[in-house]
Amino acid sequence: MDASLYIYKLKLQVEAIKKEYQHLIDHIQEVKVENLGRDYLVVRVRCKKGEEILVSILEAFEEMNLEIVEAKITCKVLFGMEAIVKADINADVLNHTILKLVQMQQTL
């Protein structure tokens, strides 16, 4: 009887960990834009995967006339992007724009 109780408690712990993990995945949202020398910005985005998030970000880059110099993208568990862009725009303005895009995608 002790072994079956122990296994039952372990199953409950695993379920609690899975729920907490899913909650974290659903609520992670990080957008960071930093200056990288003259006319260059580093853009970092981490959020829940969404079908159109990459397309939305790239369209925003295009509308703001940003040139992507280098980009790394991952979407295993979360969507992640780190890009270096050539821009003559304020980092705060770009940060705000991308954050709005991410927030809109999370509500879809």
PDB file of N, CA and C in Angstrom:
ATOM      1  N   MET A   1       0.821  -1.205   0.000  1.00  0.00           N
ATOM      2  CA  MET A   1       0.000   0.000   0.000  1.00  0.00           C
ATOM      3  C   MET A   1       0.859   1.260   0.000  1.00  0.00           C
ATOM      4  N   ASP A   2       1.989   1.238   0.681  1.00  0.00           N
ATOM      5  CA  ASP A   2       2.865   2.405   0.724  1.00  0.00           C
ATOM      6  C   ASP A   2       3.404   2.754  -0.659  1.00  0.00           C
ATOM      7  N   ALA A   3       3.746   1.751  -1.451  1.00  0.00           N
ATOM      8  CA  ALA A   3       4.292   1.995  -2.790  1.00  0.00           C
ATOM      9  C   ALA A   3       3.245   2.642  -3.699  1.00  0.00           C
ATOM     10  N   SER A   4       2.015   2.160  -3.653  1.00  0.00           N
ATOM     11  CA  SER A   4       0.981   2.736  -4.518  1.00  0.00           C
ATOM     12  C   SER A   4       0.648   4.173  -4.096  1.00  0.00           C
ATOM     13  N   LEU A   5       0.678   4.458  -2.816  1.00  0.00           N
ATOM     14  CA  LEU A   5       0.462   5.827  -2.333  1.00  0.00           C
ATOM     15  C   LEU A   5       1.596   6.737  -2.799  1.00  0.00           C
ATOM     16  N   TYR A   6       2.813   6.253  -2.716  1.00  0.00           N
ATOM     17  CA  TYR A   6       3.983   7.003  -3.159  1.00  0.00           C
ATOM     18  C   TYR A   6       3.888   7.310  -4.657  1.00  0.00           C
ATOM     19  N   ILE A   7       3.510   6.332  -5.460  1.00  0.00           N
ATOM     20  CA  ILE A   7       3.361   6.518  -6.909  1.00  0.00           C
ATOM     21  C   ILE A   7       2.248   7.539  -7.197  1.00  0.00           C
ATOM     22  N   TYR A   8       1.166   7.449  -6.472  1.00  0.00           N
ATOM     23  CA  TYR A   8       0.061   8.389  -6.642  1.00  0.00           C
ATOM     24  C   TYR A   8       0.521   9.823  -6.352  1.00  0.00           C
ATOM     25  N   LYS A   9       1.273  10.013  -5.268  1.00  0.00           N
ATOM     26  CA  LYS A   9       1.784  11.341  -4.918  1.00  0.00           C
ATOM     27  C   LYS A   9       2.737  11.859  -5.993  1.00  0.00           C
ATOM     28  N   LEU A  10       3.559  10.966  -6.534  1.00  0.00           N
ATOM     29  CA  LEU A  10       4.466  11.373  -7.606  1.00  0.00           C
ATOM     30  C   LEU A  10       3.694  11.818  -8.847  1.00  0.00           C
ATOM     31  N   LYS A  11       2.624  11.101  -9.171  1.00  0.00           N
ATOM     32  CA  LYS A  11       1.796  11.486 -10.316  1.00  0.00           C
ATOM     33  C   LYS A  11       1.181  12.866 -10.108  1.00  0.00           C
ATOM     34  N   LEU A  12       0.729  13.151  -8.896  1.00  0.00           N
ATOM     35  CA  LEU A  12       0.167  14.465  -8.586  1.00  0.00           C
ATOM     36  C   LEU A  12       1.227  15.569  -8.729  1.00  0.00           C
ATOM     37  N   GLN A  13       2.444  15.270  -8.290  1.00  0.00           N
ATOM     38  CA  GLN A  13       3.526  16.243  -8.407  1.00  0.00           C
ATOM     39  C   GLN A  13       3.859  16.506  -9.880  1.00  0.00           C
ATOM     40  N   VAL A  14       3.886  15.465 -10.688  1.00  0.00           N
ATOM     41  CA  VAL A  14       4.165  15.613 -12.113  1.00  0.00           C
ATOM     42  C   VAL A  14       3.090  16.468 -12.773  1.00  0.00           C
ATOM     43  N   GLU A  15       1.832  16.226 -12.454  1.00  0.00           N
ATOM     44  CA  GLU A  15       0.737  17.019 -13.012  1.00  0.00           C
ATOM     45  C   GLU A  15       0.853  18.494 -12.602  1.00  0.00           C
ATOM     46  N   ALA A  16       1.216  18.742 -11.351  1.00  0.00           N
ATOM     47  CA  ALA A  16       1.379  20.116 -10.878  1.00  0.00           C
ATOM     48  C   ALA A  16       2.526  20.806 -11.619  1.00  0.00           C
ATOM     49  N   ILE A  17       3.603  20.097 -11.853  1.00  0.00           N
ATOM     50  CA  ILE A  17       4.740  20.660 -12.585  1.00  0.00           C
ATOM     51  C   ILE A  17       4.344  20.953 -14.025  1.00  0.00           C
ATOM     52  N   LYS A  18       3.604  20.053 -14.662  1.00  0.00           N
ATOM     53  CA  LYS A  18       3.150  20.270 -16.042  1.00  0.00           C
ATOM     54  C   LYS A  18       2.267  21.511 -16.137  1.00  0.00           C
ATOM     55  N   LYS A  19       1.354  21.690 -15.179  1.00  0.00           N
ATOM     56  CA  LYS A  19       0.467  22.849 -15.188  1.00  0.00           C
ATOM     57  C   LYS A  19       1.263  24.148 -15.004  1.00  0.00           C
ATOM     58  N   GLU A  20       2.221  24.129 -14.087  1.00  0.00           N
ATOM     59  CA  GLU A  20       3.044  25.316 -13.851  1.00  0.00           C
ATOM     60  C   GLU A  20       3.883  25.641 -15.088  1.00  0.00           C
ATOM     61  N   TYR A  21       4.442  24.624 -15.721  1.00  0.00           N
ATOM     62  CA  TYR A  21       5.236  24.799 -16.939  1.00  0.00           C
ATOM     63  C   TYR A  21       4.382  25.415 -18.046  1.00  0.00           C
ATOM     64  N   GLN A  22       3.178  24.902 -18.232  1.00  0.00           N
ATOM     65  CA  GLN A  22       2.296  25.425 -19.273  1.00  0.00           C
ATOM     66  C   GLN A  22       1.900  26.871 -18.974  1.00  0.00           C
ATOM     67  N   HIS A  23       1.670  27.163 -17.713  1.00  0.00           N
ATOM     68  CA  HIS A  23       1.346  28.534 -17.320  1.00  0.00           C
ATOM     69  C   HIS A  23       2.501  29.471 -17.674  1.00  0.00           C
ATOM     70  N   LEU A  24       3.730  29.060 -17.391  1.00  0.00           N
ATOM     71  CA  LEU A  24       4.899  29.880 -17.716  1.00  0.00           C
ATOM     72  C   LEU A  24       5.028  30.086 -19.223  1.00  0.00           C
ATOM     73  N   ILE A  25       4.833  29.025 -19.981  1.00  0.00           N
ATOM     74  CA  ILE A  25       4.916  29.107 -21.444  1.00  0.00           C
ATOM     75  C   ILE A  25       3.860  30.083 -21.974  1.00  0.00           C
ATOM     76  N   ASP A  26       2.659  30.008 -21.424  1.00  0.00           N
ATOM     77  CA  ASP A  26       1.568  30.858 -21.895  1.00  0.00           C
ATOM     78  C   ASP A  26       1.775  32.338 -21.561  1.00  0.00           C
ATOM     79  N   HIS A  27       2.573  32.625 -20.549  1.00  0.00           N
ATOM     80  CA  HIS A  27       2.684  34.009 -20.092  1.00  0.00           C
ATOM     81  C   HIS A  27       4.058  34.639 -20.301  1.00  0.00           C
ATOM     82  N   ILE A  28       4.985  33.916 -20.904  1.00  0.00           N
ATOM     83  CA  ILE A  28       6.297  34.511 -21.192  1.00  0.00           C
ATOM     84  C   ILE A  28       6.141  35.503 -22.318  1.00  0.00           C
ATOM     85  N   GLN A  29       6.678  36.666 -22.108  1.00  0.00           N
ATOM     86  CA  GLN A  29       6.589  37.707 -23.119  1.00  0.00           C
ATOM     87  C   GLN A  29       7.730  38.685 -22.856  1.00  0.00           C
ATOM     88  N   GLU A  30       8.717  38.652 -23.711  1.00  0.00           N
ATOM     89  CA  GLU A  30       9.873  39.520 -23.518  1.00  0.00           C
ATOM     90  C   GLU A  30      10.237  40.153 -24.853  1.00  0.00           C
ATOM     91  N   VAL A  31      10.331  41.460 -24.848  1.00  0.00           N
ATOM     92  CA  VAL A  31      10.785  42.212 -26.009  1.00  0.00           C
ATOM     93  C   VAL A  31      11.841  43.182 -25.508  1.00  0.00           C
ATOM     94  N   LYS A  32      13.004  43.136 -26.141  1.00  0.00           N
ATOM     95  CA  LYS A  32      14.089  44.011 -25.725  1.00  0.00           C
ATOM     96  C   LYS A  32      14.792  44.529 -26.976  1.00  0.00           C
ATOM     97  N   VAL A  33      14.916  45.833 -27.082  1.00  0.00           N
ATOM     98  CA  VAL A  33      15.624  46.458 -28.198  1.00  0.00           C
ATOM     99  C   VAL A  33      16.717  47.338 -27.595  1.00  0.00           C
ATOM    100  N   GLU A  34      17.951  47.107 -28.045  1.00  0.00           N
ATOM    101  CA  GLU A  34      19.091  47.846 -27.506  1.00  0.00           C
ATOM    102  C   GLU A  34      19.935  48.409 -28.642  1.00  0.00           C
ATOM    103  N   ASN A  35      20.574  49.525 -28.370  1.00  0.00           N
ATOM    104  CA  ASN A  35      21.488  50.117 -29.340  1.00  0.00           C
ATOM    105  C   ASN A  35      22.758  49.278 -29.429  1.00  0.00           C
ATOM    106  N   LEU A  36      23.256  49.148 -30.641  1.00  0.00           N
ATOM    107  CA  LEU A  36      24.494  48.403 -30.886  1.00  0.00           C
ATOM    108  C   LEU A  36      25.357  49.257 -31.806  1.00  0.00           C
ATOM    109  N   GLY A  37      25.884  50.305 -31.267  1.00  0.00           N
ATOM    110  CA  GLY A  37      26.685  51.196 -32.097  1.00  0.00           C
ATOM    111  C   GLY A  37      25.811  52.115 -32.925  1.00  0.00           C
ATOM    112  N   ARG A  38      26.452  52.822 -33.794  1.00  0.00           N
ATOM    113  CA  ARG A  38      25.757  53.819 -34.606  1.00  0.00           C
ATOM    114  C   ARG A  38      24.874  53.152 -35.655  1.00  0.00           C
ATOM    115  N   ASP A  39      23.591  53.485 -35.649  1.00  0.00           N
ATOM    116  CA  ASP A  39      22.613  53.024 -36.637  1.00  0.00           C
ATOM    117  C   ASP A  39      22.274  51.534 -36.574  1.00  0.00           C
ATOM    118  N   TYR A  40      22.665  50.836 -35.525  1.00  0.00           N
ATOM    119  CA  TYR A  40      22.348  49.416 -35.413  1.00  0.00           C
ATOM    120  C   TYR A  40      21.624  49.146 -34.097  1.00  0.00           C
ATOM    121  N   LEU A  41      20.645  48.260 -34.167  1.00  0.00           N
ATOM    122  CA  LEU A  41      19.885  47.859 -32.984  1.00  0.00           C
ATOM    123  C   LEU A  41      19.869  46.341 -32.878  1.00  0.00           C
ATOM    124  N   VAL A  42      19.872  45.835 -31.651  1.00  0.00           N
ATOM    125  CA  VAL A  42      19.685  44.407 -31.398  1.00  0.00           C
ATOM    126  C   VAL A  42      18.255  44.240 -30.907  1.00  0.00           C
ATOM    127  N   VAL A  43      17.518  43.357 -31.560  1.00  0.00           N
ATOM    128  CA  VAL A  43      16.122  43.102 -31.215  1.00  0.00           C
ATOM    129  C   VAL A  43      16.022  41.673 -30.694  1.00  0.00           C
ATOM    130  N   ARG A  44      15.516  41.525 -29.466  1.00  0.00           N
ATOM    131  CA  ARG A  44      15.313  40.196 -28.877  1.00  0.00           C
ATOM    132  C   ARG A  44      13.839  40.046 -28.524  1.00  0.00           C
ATOM    133  N   VAL A  45      13.265  38.917 -28.945  1.00  0.00           N
ATOM    134  CA  VAL A  45      11.859  38.644 -28.666  1.00  0.00           C
ATOM    135  C   VAL A  45      11.734  37.209 -28.179  1.00  0.00           C
ATOM    136  N   ARG A  46      11.007  37.019 -27.091  1.00  0.00           N
ATOM    137  CA  ARG A  46      10.652  35.676 -26.603  1.00  0.00           C
ATOM    138  C   ARG A  46       9.193  35.721 -26.210  1.00  0.00           C
ATOM    139  N   CYS A  47       8.430  34.777 -26.727  1.00  0.00           N
ATOM    140  CA  CYS A  47       7.010  34.739 -26.384  1.00  0.00           C
ATOM    141  C   CYS A  47       6.443  33.373 -26.763  1.00  0.00           C
ATOM    142  N   LYS A  48       5.184  33.194 -26.422  1.00  0.00           N
ATOM    143  CA  LYS A  48       4.473  31.979 -26.805  1.00  0.00           C
ATOM    144  C   LYS A  48       4.406  31.913 -28.329  1.00  0.00           C
ATOM    145  N   LYS A  49       4.536  30.715 -28.858  1.00  0.00           N
ATOM    146  CA  LYS A  49       4.480  30.564 -30.308  1.00  0.00           C
ATOM    147  C   LYS A  49       3.119  30.996 -30.830  1.00  0.00           C
ATOM    148  N   GLY A  50       3.146  31.695 -31.942  1.00  0.00           N
ATOM    149  CA  GLY A  50       1.924  32.101 -32.627  1.00  0.00           C
ATOM    150  C   GLY A  50       2.127  31.911 -34.112  1.00  0.00           C
ATOM    151  N   GLU A  51       1.049  31.676 -34.811  1.00  0.00           N
ATOM    152  CA  GLU A  51       1.162  31.366 -36.233  1.00  0.00           C
ATOM    153  C   GLU A  51       1.728  32.514 -37.052  1.00  0.00           C
ATOM    154  N   GLU A  52       1.428  33.728 -36.700  1.00  0.00           N
ATOM    155  CA  GLU A  52       1.799  34.870 -37.532  1.00  0.00           C
ATOM    156  C   GLU A  52       2.815  35.807 -36.884  1.00  0.00           C
ATOM    157  N   ILE A  53       3.410  35.430 -35.776  1.00  0.00           N
ATOM    158  CA  ILE A  53       4.272  36.366 -35.051  1.00  0.00           C
ATOM    159  C   ILE A  53       5.496  36.777 -35.871  1.00  0.00           C
ATOM    160  N   LEU A  54       6.159  35.833 -36.507  1.00  0.00           N
ATOM    161  CA  LEU A  54       7.338  36.176 -37.300  1.00  0.00           C
ATOM    162  C   LEU A  54       6.961  37.070 -38.474  1.00  0.00           C
ATOM    163  N   VAL A  55       5.904  36.720 -39.163  1.00  0.00           N
ATOM    164  CA  VAL A  55       5.450  37.518 -40.302  1.00  0.00           C
ATOM    165  C   VAL A  55       5.111  38.936 -39.850  1.00  0.00           C
ATOM    166  N   SER A  56       4.428  39.063 -38.729  1.00  0.00           N
ATOM    167  CA  SER A  56       4.053  40.390 -38.215  1.00  0.00           C
ATOM    168  C   SER A  56       5.288  41.234 -37.897  1.00  0.00           C
ATOM    169  N   ILE A  57       6.271  40.627 -37.276  1.00  0.00           N
ATOM    170  CA  ILE A  57       7.494  41.360 -36.931  1.00  0.00           C
ATOM    171  C   ILE A  57       8.235  41.782 -38.195  1.00  0.00           C
ATOM    172  N   LEU A  58       8.356  40.881 -39.164  1.00  0.00           N
ATOM    173  CA  LEU A  58       9.054  41.217 -40.402  1.00  0.00           C
ATOM    174  C   LEU A  58       8.320  42.303 -41.188  1.00  0.00           C
ATOM    175  N   GLU A  59       6.999  42.266 -41.179  1.00  0.00           N
ATOM    176  CA  GLU A  59       6.225  43.321 -41.835  1.00  0.00           C
ATOM    177  C   GLU A  59       6.452  44.670 -41.151  1.00  0.00           C
ATOM    178  N   ALA A  60       6.538  44.660 -39.827  1.00  0.00           N
ATOM    179  CA  ALA A  60       6.810  45.904 -39.092  1.00  0.00           C
ATOM    180  C   ALA A  60       8.202  46.433 -39.439  1.00  0.00           C
ATOM    181  N   PHE A  61       9.183  45.536 -39.529  1.00  0.00           N
ATOM    182  CA  PHE A  61      10.523  45.943 -39.932  1.00  0.00           C
ATOM    183  C   PHE A  61      10.483  46.606 -41.307  1.00  0.00           C
ATOM    184  N   GLU A  62       9.745  45.988 -42.221  1.00  0.00           N
ATOM    185  CA  GLU A  62       9.658  46.512 -43.583  1.00  0.00           C
ATOM    186  C   GLU A  62       8.980  47.883 -43.602  1.00  0.00           C
ATOM    187  N   GLU A  63       7.881  48.026 -42.857  1.00  0.00           N
ATOM    188  CA  GLU A  63       7.166  49.302 -42.811  1.00  0.00           C
ATOM    189  C   GLU A  63       8.032  50.417 -42.222  1.00  0.00           C
ATOM    190  N   MET A  64       8.946  50.048 -41.313  1.00  0.00           N
ATOM    191  CA  MET A  64       9.809  51.043 -40.680  1.00  0.00           C
ATOM    192  C   MET A  64      11.131  51.211 -41.426  1.00  0.00           C
ATOM    193  N   ASN A  65      11.237  50.562 -42.579  1.00  0.00           N
ATOM    194  CA  ASN A  65      12.450  50.631 -43.414  1.00  0.00           C
ATOM    195  C   ASN A  65      13.704  50.170 -42.678  1.00  0.00           C
ATOM    196  N   LEU A  66      13.580  49.088 -41.931  1.00  0.00           N
ATOM    197  CA  LEU A  66      14.723  48.520 -41.221  1.00  0.00           C
ATOM    198  C   LEU A  66      15.361  47.449 -42.090  1.00  0.00           C
ATOM    199  N   GLU A  67      16.661  47.414 -42.086  1.00  0.00           N
ATOM    200  CA  GLU A  67      17.399  46.409 -42.842  1.00  0.00           C
ATOM    201  C   GLU A  67      17.901  45.349 -41.864  1.00  0.00           C
ATOM    202  N   ILE A  68      17.515  44.104 -42.082  1.00  0.00           N
ATOM    203  CA  ILE A  68      17.953  43.014 -41.212  1.00  0.00           C
ATOM    204  C   ILE A  68      19.348  42.602 -41.639  1.00  0.00           C
ATOM    205  N   VAL A  69      20.305  42.744 -40.734  1.00  0.00           N
ATOM    206  CA  VAL A  69      21.686  42.388 -41.010  1.00  0.00           C
ATOM    207  C   VAL A  69      21.913  40.913 -40.691  1.00  0.00           C
ATOM    208  N   GLU A  70      21.351  40.475 -39.572  1.00  0.00           N
ATOM    209  CA  GLU A  70      21.499  39.091 -39.127  1.00  0.00           C
ATOM    210  C   GLU A  70      20.304  38.743 -38.248  1.00  0.00           C
ATOM    211  N   ALA A  71      19.848  37.494 -38.337  1.00  0.00           N
ATOM    212  CA  ALA A  71      18.722  37.077 -37.494  1.00  0.00           C
ATOM    213  C   ALA A  71      18.851  35.605 -37.140  1.00  0.00           C
ATOM    214  N   LYS A  72      18.484  35.290 -35.916  1.00  0.00           N
ATOM    215  CA  LYS A  72      18.402  33.904 -35.433  1.00  0.00           C
ATOM    216  C   LYS A  72      16.995  33.721 -34.895  1.00  0.00           C
ATOM    217  N   ILE A  73      16.376  32.629 -35.316  1.00  0.00           N
ATOM    218  CA  ILE A  73      14.994  32.385 -34.907  1.00  0.00           C
ATOM    219  C   ILE A  73      14.864  30.943 -34.440  1.00  0.00           C
ATOM    220  N   THR A  74      14.106  30.757 -33.372  1.00  0.00           N
ATOM    221  CA  THR A  74      13.820  29.422 -32.878  1.00  0.00           C
ATOM    222  C   THR A  74      12.344  29.349 -32.500  1.00  0.00           C
ATOM    223  N   CYS A  75      11.793  28.172 -32.625  1.00  0.00           N
ATOM    224  CA  CYS A  75      10.394  28.020 -32.221  1.00  0.00           C
ATOM    225  C   CYS A  75      10.129  26.590 -31.755  1.00  0.00           C
ATOM    226  N   LYS A  76      11.032  26.066 -30.936  1.00  0.00           N
ATOM    227  CA  LYS A  76      10.812  24.731 -30.384  1.00  0.00           C
ATOM    228  C   LYS A  76       9.680  24.758 -29.364  1.00  0.00           C
ATOM    229  N   VAL A  77       9.917  25.370 -28.236  1.00  0.00           N
ATOM    230  CA  VAL A  77       8.895  25.473 -27.191  1.00  0.00           C
ATOM    231  C   VAL A  77       8.277  26.861 -27.214  1.00  0.00           C
ATOM    232  N   LEU A  78       9.130  27.856 -27.329  1.00  0.00           N
ATOM    233  CA  LEU A  78       8.711  29.255 -27.412  1.00  0.00           C
ATOM    234  C   LEU A  78       9.174  29.819 -28.744  1.00  0.00           C
ATOM    235  N   PHE A  79       8.602  30.951 -29.124  1.00  0.00           N
ATOM    236  CA  PHE A  79       9.136  31.679 -30.264  1.00  0.00           C
ATOM    237  C   PHE A  79      10.261  32.537 -29.732  1.00  0.00           C
ATOM    238  N   GLY A  80      11.398  32.489 -30.380  1.00  0.00           N
ATOM    239  CA  GLY A  80      12.526  33.318 -29.988  1.00  0.00           C
ATOM    240  C   GLY A  80      13.185  33.911 -31.215  1.00  0.00           C
ATOM    241  N   MET A  81      13.541  35.166 -31.122  1.00  0.00           N
ATOM    242  CA  MET A  81      14.215  35.821 -32.227  1.00  0.00           C
ATOM    243  C   MET A  81      15.243  36.786 -31.672  1.00  0.00           C
ATOM    244  N   GLU A  82      16.401  36.769 -32.284  1.00  0.00           N
ATOM    245  CA  GLU A  82      17.420  37.770 -32.001  1.00  0.00           C
ATOM    246  C   GLU A  82      17.891  38.276 -33.350  1.00  0.00           C
ATOM    247  N   ALA A  83      17.777  39.575 -33.556  1.00  0.00           N
ATOM    248  CA  ALA A  83      18.125  40.154 -34.848  1.00  0.00           C
ATOM    249  C   ALA A  83      18.937  41.421 -34.654  1.00  0.00           C
ATOM    250  N   ILE A  84      19.822  41.641 -35.592  1.00  0.00           N
ATOM    251  CA  ILE A  84      20.545  42.903 -35.669  1.00  0.00           C
ATOM    252  C   ILE A  84      19.985  43.620 -36.884  1.00  0.00           C
ATOM    253  N   VAL A  85      19.514  44.836 -36.651  1.00  0.00           N
ATOM    254  CA  VAL A  85      18.923  45.602 -37.747  1.00  0.00           C
ATOM    255  C   VAL A  85      19.643  46.937 -37.881  1.00  0.00           C
ATOM    256  N   LYS A  86      19.731  47.378 -39.121  1.00  0.00           N
ATOM    257  CA  LYS A  86      20.273  48.708 -39.386  1.00  0.00           C
ATOM    258  C   LYS A  86      19.089  49.653 -39.451  1.00  0.00           C
ATOM    259  N   ALA A  87      19.142  50.683 -38.601  1.00  0.00           N
ATOM    260  CA  ALA A  87      17.972  51.549 -38.493  1.00  0.00           C
ATOM    261  C   ALA A  87      18.355  52.931 -38.017  1.00  0.00           C
ATOM    262  N   ASP A  88      17.571  53.879 -38.422  1.00  0.00           N
ATOM    263  CA  ASP A  88      17.727  55.238 -37.899  1.00  0.00           C
ATOM    264  C   ASP A  88      16.487  55.602 -37.084  1.00  0.00           C
ATOM    265  N   ILE A  89      16.082  54.652 -36.253  1.00  0.00           N
ATOM    266  CA  ILE A  89      14.894  54.810 -35.417  1.00  0.00           C
ATOM    267  C   ILE A  89      15.301  54.636 -33.959  1.00  0.00           C
ATOM    268  N   ASN A  90      14.565  55.244 -33.074  1.00  0.00           N
ATOM    269  CA  ASN A  90      14.814  55.135 -31.649  1.00  0.00           C
ATOM    270  C   ASN A  90      14.495  53.715 -31.167  1.00  0.00           C
ATOM    271  N   ALA A  91      15.347  53.162 -30.327  1.00  0.00           N
ATOM    272  CA  ALA A  91      15.155  51.807 -29.813  1.00  0.00           C
ATOM    273  C   ALA A  91      13.837  51.670 -29.052  1.00  0.00           C
ATOM    274  N   ASP A  92      13.447  52.704 -28.315  1.00  0.00           N
ATOM    275  CA  ASP A  92      12.196  52.647 -27.549  1.00  0.00           C
ATOM    276  C   ASP A  92      10.973  52.561 -28.457  1.00  0.00           C
ATOM    277  N   VAL A  93      11.018  53.267 -29.583  1.00  0.00           N
ATOM    278  CA  VAL A  93       9.905  53.235 -30.530  1.00  0.00           C
ATOM    279  C   VAL A  93       9.762  51.835 -31.115  1.00  0.00           C
ATOM    280  N   LEU A  94      10.886  51.243 -31.520  1.00  0.00           N
ATOM    281  CA  LEU A  94      10.848  49.881 -32.070  1.00  0.00           C
ATOM    282  C   LEU A  94      10.407  48.879 -31.007  1.00  0.00           C
ATOM    283  N   ASN A  95      10.897  49.031 -29.789  1.00  0.00           N
ATOM    284  CA  ASN A  95      10.512  48.146 -28.691  1.00  0.00           C
ATOM    285  C   ASN A  95       8.993  48.195 -28.474  1.00  0.00           C
ATOM    286  N   HIS A  96       8.441  49.378 -28.438  1.00  0.00           N
ATOM    287  CA  HIS A  96       6.998  49.554 -28.230  1.00  0.00           C
ATOM    288  C   HIS A  96       6.195  48.914 -29.374  1.00  0.00           C
ATOM    289  N   THR A  97       6.645  49.115 -30.602  1.00  0.00           N
ATOM    290  CA  THR A  97       5.951  48.559 -31.768  1.00  0.00           C
ATOM    291  C   THR A  97       5.923  47.038 -31.723  1.00  0.00           C
ATOM    292  N   ILE A  98       7.068  46.430 -31.447  1.00  0.00           N
ATOM    293  CA  ILE A  98       7.136  44.962 -31.413  1.00  0.00           C
ATOM    294  C   ILE A  98       6.357  44.414 -30.231  1.00  0.00           C
ATOM    295  N   LEU A  99       6.427  45.076 -29.089  1.00  0.00           N
ATOM    296  CA  LEU A  99       5.675  44.634 -27.922  1.00  0.00           C
ATOM    297  C   LEU A  99       4.175  44.629 -28.214  1.00  0.00           C
ATOM    298  N   LYS A 100       3.682  45.658 -28.904  1.00  0.00           N
ATOM    299  CA  LYS A 100       2.274  45.683 -29.280  1.00  0.00           C
ATOM    300  C   LYS A 100       1.924  44.511 -30.196  1.00  0.00           C
ATOM    301  N   LEU A 101       2.793  44.192 -31.151  1.00  0.00           N
ATOM    302  CA  LEU A 101       2.567  43.069 -32.052  1.00  0.00           C
ATOM    303  C   LEU A 101       2.473  41.756 -31.273  1.00  0.00           C
ATOM    304  N   VAL A 102       3.402  41.568 -30.360  1.00  0.00           N
ATOM    305  CA  VAL A 102       3.432  40.329 -29.554  1.00  0.00           C
ATOM    306  C   VAL A 102       2.164  40.232 -28.725  1.00  0.00           C
ATOM    307  N   GLN A 103       1.757  41.315 -28.114  1.00  0.00           N
ATOM    308  CA  GLN A 103       0.565  41.305 -27.270  1.00  0.00           C
ATOM    309  C   GLN A 103      -0.683  41.007 -28.107  1.00  0.00           C
ATOM    310  N   MET A 104      -0.752  41.558 -29.305  1.00  0.00           N
ATOM    311  CA  MET A 104      -1.900  41.287 -30.177  1.00  0.00           C
ATOM    312  C   MET A 104      -1.920  39.817 -30.586  1.00  0.00           C
ATOM    313  N   GLN A 105      -0.767  39.229 -30.877  1.00  0.00           N
ATOM    314  CA  GLN A 105      -0.705  37.838 -31.274  1.00  0.00           C
ATOM    315  C   GLN A 105      -1.104  36.915 -30.124  1.00  0.00           C
ATOM    316  N   GLN A 106      -0.766  37.312 -28.897  1.00  0.00           N
ATOM    317  CA  GLN A 106      -1.077  36.473 -27.746  1.00  0.00           C
ATOM    318  C   GLN A 106      -2.573  36.426 -27.476  1.00  0.00           C
ATOM    319  N   THR A 107      -3.310  37.439 -27.920  1.00  0.00           N
ATOM    320  CA  THR A 107      -4.752  37.466 -27.661  1.00  0.00           C
ATOM    321  C   THR A 107      -5.533  36.718 -28.738  1.00  0.00           C
ATOM    322  N   LEU A 108      -4.883  36.379 -29.837  1.00  0.00           N
ATOM    323  CA  LEU A 108      -5.579  35.652 -30.917  1.00  0.00           C
ATOM    324  C   LEU A 108      -5.801  34.205 -30.564  1.00  0.00           C
TER     325      LEU A 108
END
